[in-house]
Amino acid sequence: MDVQVTQTDIMRGMAIDIHELKNTNVSIAELEKRVDELEKYTGKKYNSP
């Protein structure tokens, strides 16, 4: 199976995600939980500024 994703597809997906996030209230605790899950999934640690 050949999968091709263009930069336009990626940018469109990001724009949709950002638009959805603007209309969502997320607590700091929920964001921290999501970052923890992402770190486990990617194996990378997020370094806050």
N, C-alpha and C. Protein backbone atom coordinates (compact mmCIF):
# COMPACT_ATOMS: atom_id res chain seq x y z
N MET A 1 0.85 -1.17 0.00
CA MET A 1 0.00 0.00 0.00
C MET A 1 0.89 1.24 0.00
N ASP A 2 0.64 2.14 -0.91
CA ASP A 2 1.44 3.36 -1.03
C ASP A 2 0.65 4.53 -0.46
N VAL A 3 1.20 5.16 0.56
CA VAL A 3 0.52 6.29 1.19
C VAL A 3 1.34 7.54 0.95
N GLN A 4 0.70 8.54 0.40
CA GLN A 4 1.37 9.82 0.18
C GLN A 4 0.58 10.92 0.88
N VAL A 5 1.27 11.71 1.65
CA VAL A 5 0.65 12.84 2.34
C VAL A 5 1.38 14.09 1.90
N THR A 6 0.64 15.04 1.39
CA THR A 6 1.27 16.27 0.95
C THR A 6 1.34 17.26 2.10
N GLN A 7 2.20 18.24 1.95
CA GLN A 7 2.31 19.29 2.97
C GLN A 7 0.98 20.00 3.13
N THR A 8 0.25 20.17 2.03
CA THR A 8 -1.07 20.81 2.09
C THR A 8 -2.02 20.00 2.96
N ASP A 9 -2.00 18.67 2.83
CA ASP A 9 -2.85 17.82 3.66
C ASP A 9 -2.51 17.99 5.14
N ILE A 10 -1.22 18.03 5.43
CA ILE A 10 -0.78 18.18 6.82
C ILE A 10 -1.22 19.53 7.37
N MET A 11 -1.00 20.59 6.60
CA MET A 11 -1.38 21.94 7.05
C MET A 11 -2.90 22.05 7.23
N ARG A 12 -3.65 21.44 6.34
CA ARG A 12 -5.11 21.47 6.45
C ARG A 12 -5.55 20.76 7.73
N GLY A 13 -4.94 19.62 8.02
CA GLY A 13 -5.25 18.88 9.23
C GLY A 13 -4.91 19.68 10.48
N MET A 14 -3.76 20.36 10.45
CA MET A 14 -3.36 21.20 11.59
C MET A 14 -4.34 22.35 11.79
N ALA A 15 -4.78 22.97 10.70
CA ALA A 15 -5.72 24.08 10.79
C ALA A 15 -7.04 23.62 11.39
N ILE A 16 -7.50 22.45 10.99
CA ILE A 16 -8.74 21.90 11.55
C ILE A 16 -8.57 21.64 13.04
N ASP A 17 -7.43 21.03 13.42
CA ASP A 17 -7.17 20.75 14.84
C ASP A 17 -7.14 22.03 15.66
N ILE A 18 -6.47 23.06 15.16
CA ILE A 18 -6.38 24.34 15.87
C ILE A 18 -7.75 24.96 16.02
N HIS A 19 -8.54 24.92 14.96
CA HIS A 19 -9.90 25.47 15.02
C HIS A 19 -10.73 24.75 16.08
N GLU A 20 -10.61 23.43 16.14
CA GLU A 20 -11.35 22.66 17.14
C GLU A 20 -10.87 22.99 18.55
N LEU A 21 -9.55 23.17 18.71
CA LEU A 21 -9.01 23.49 20.04
C LEU A 21 -9.47 24.85 20.53
N LYS A 22 -9.66 25.80 19.62
CA LYS A 22 -10.12 27.13 20.01
C LYS A 22 -11.48 27.07 20.68
N ASN A 23 -12.27 26.08 20.34
CA ASN A 23 -13.62 25.95 20.88
C ASN A 23 -13.70 24.92 22.00
N THR A 24 -12.55 24.55 22.57
CA THR A 24 -12.50 23.52 23.61
C THR A 24 -11.84 24.09 24.86
N ASN A 25 -12.46 23.82 25.99
CA ASN A 25 -11.85 24.21 27.26
C ASN A 25 -11.13 22.98 27.82
N VAL A 26 -9.82 23.11 28.01
CA VAL A 26 -9.01 22.00 28.51
C VAL A 26 -8.26 22.50 29.74
N SER A 27 -8.32 21.72 30.80
CA SER A 27 -7.64 22.11 32.03
C SER A 27 -6.14 21.85 31.90
N ILE A 28 -5.37 22.50 32.76
CA ILE A 28 -3.93 22.30 32.79
C ILE A 28 -3.62 20.83 33.11
N ALA A 29 -4.38 20.26 34.03
CA ALA A 29 -4.16 18.85 34.40
C ALA A 29 -4.37 17.94 33.19
N GLU A 30 -5.39 18.24 32.37
CA GLU A 30 -5.65 17.44 31.18
C GLU A 30 -4.50 17.59 30.18
N LEU A 31 -3.99 18.81 30.02
CA LEU A 31 -2.86 19.03 29.11
C LEU A 31 -1.62 18.27 29.58
N GLU A 32 -1.36 18.30 30.89
CA GLU A 32 -0.21 17.58 31.44
C GLU A 32 -0.36 16.08 31.20
N LYS A 33 -1.57 15.57 31.36
CA LYS A 33 -1.83 14.15 31.11
C LYS A 33 -1.56 13.80 29.65
N ARG A 34 -2.01 14.67 28.75
CA ARG A 34 -1.79 14.42 27.32
C ARG A 34 -0.31 14.47 26.96
N VAL A 35 0.44 15.40 27.57
CA VAL A 35 1.88 15.49 27.32
C VAL A 35 2.56 14.22 27.82
N ASP A 36 2.16 13.76 29.01
CA ASP A 36 2.73 12.52 29.55
C ASP A 36 2.48 11.34 28.62
N GLU A 37 1.25 11.25 28.09
CA GLU A 37 0.92 10.16 27.17
C GLU A 37 1.75 10.27 25.89
N LEU A 38 1.93 11.49 25.39
CA LEU A 38 2.71 11.70 24.18
C LEU A 38 4.17 11.32 24.41
N GLU A 39 4.71 11.68 25.59
CA GLU A 39 6.08 11.32 25.92
C GLU A 39 6.26 9.81 25.98
N LYS A 40 5.28 9.11 26.54
CA LYS A 40 5.35 7.65 26.59
C LYS A 40 5.31 7.07 25.18
N TYR A 41 4.46 7.63 24.34
CA TYR A 41 4.28 7.12 22.98
C TYR A 41 5.52 7.37 22.13
N THR A 42 6.10 8.57 22.25
CA THR A 42 7.23 8.93 21.39
C THR A 42 8.58 8.54 22.00
N GLY A 43 8.60 8.36 23.32
CA GLY A 43 9.86 8.07 23.99
C GLY A 43 10.72 9.31 24.17
N LYS A 44 10.13 10.48 23.93
CA LYS A 44 10.86 11.74 24.06
C LYS A 44 10.27 12.55 25.21
N LYS A 45 11.14 13.27 25.89
CA LYS A 45 10.72 14.10 27.01
C LYS A 45 10.55 15.53 26.55
N TYR A 46 9.44 16.16 26.95
CA TYR A 46 9.18 17.55 26.60
C TYR A 46 9.89 18.45 27.60
N ASN A 47 10.67 19.40 27.10
CA ASN A 47 11.35 20.37 27.95
C ASN A 47 10.65 21.70 27.83
N SER A 48 9.98 22.11 28.90
CA SER A 48 9.25 23.38 28.85
C SER A 48 10.24 24.54 28.88
N PRO A 49 9.85 25.65 28.23
CA PRO A 49 10.75 26.82 28.16
C PRO A 49 10.94 27.48 29.51
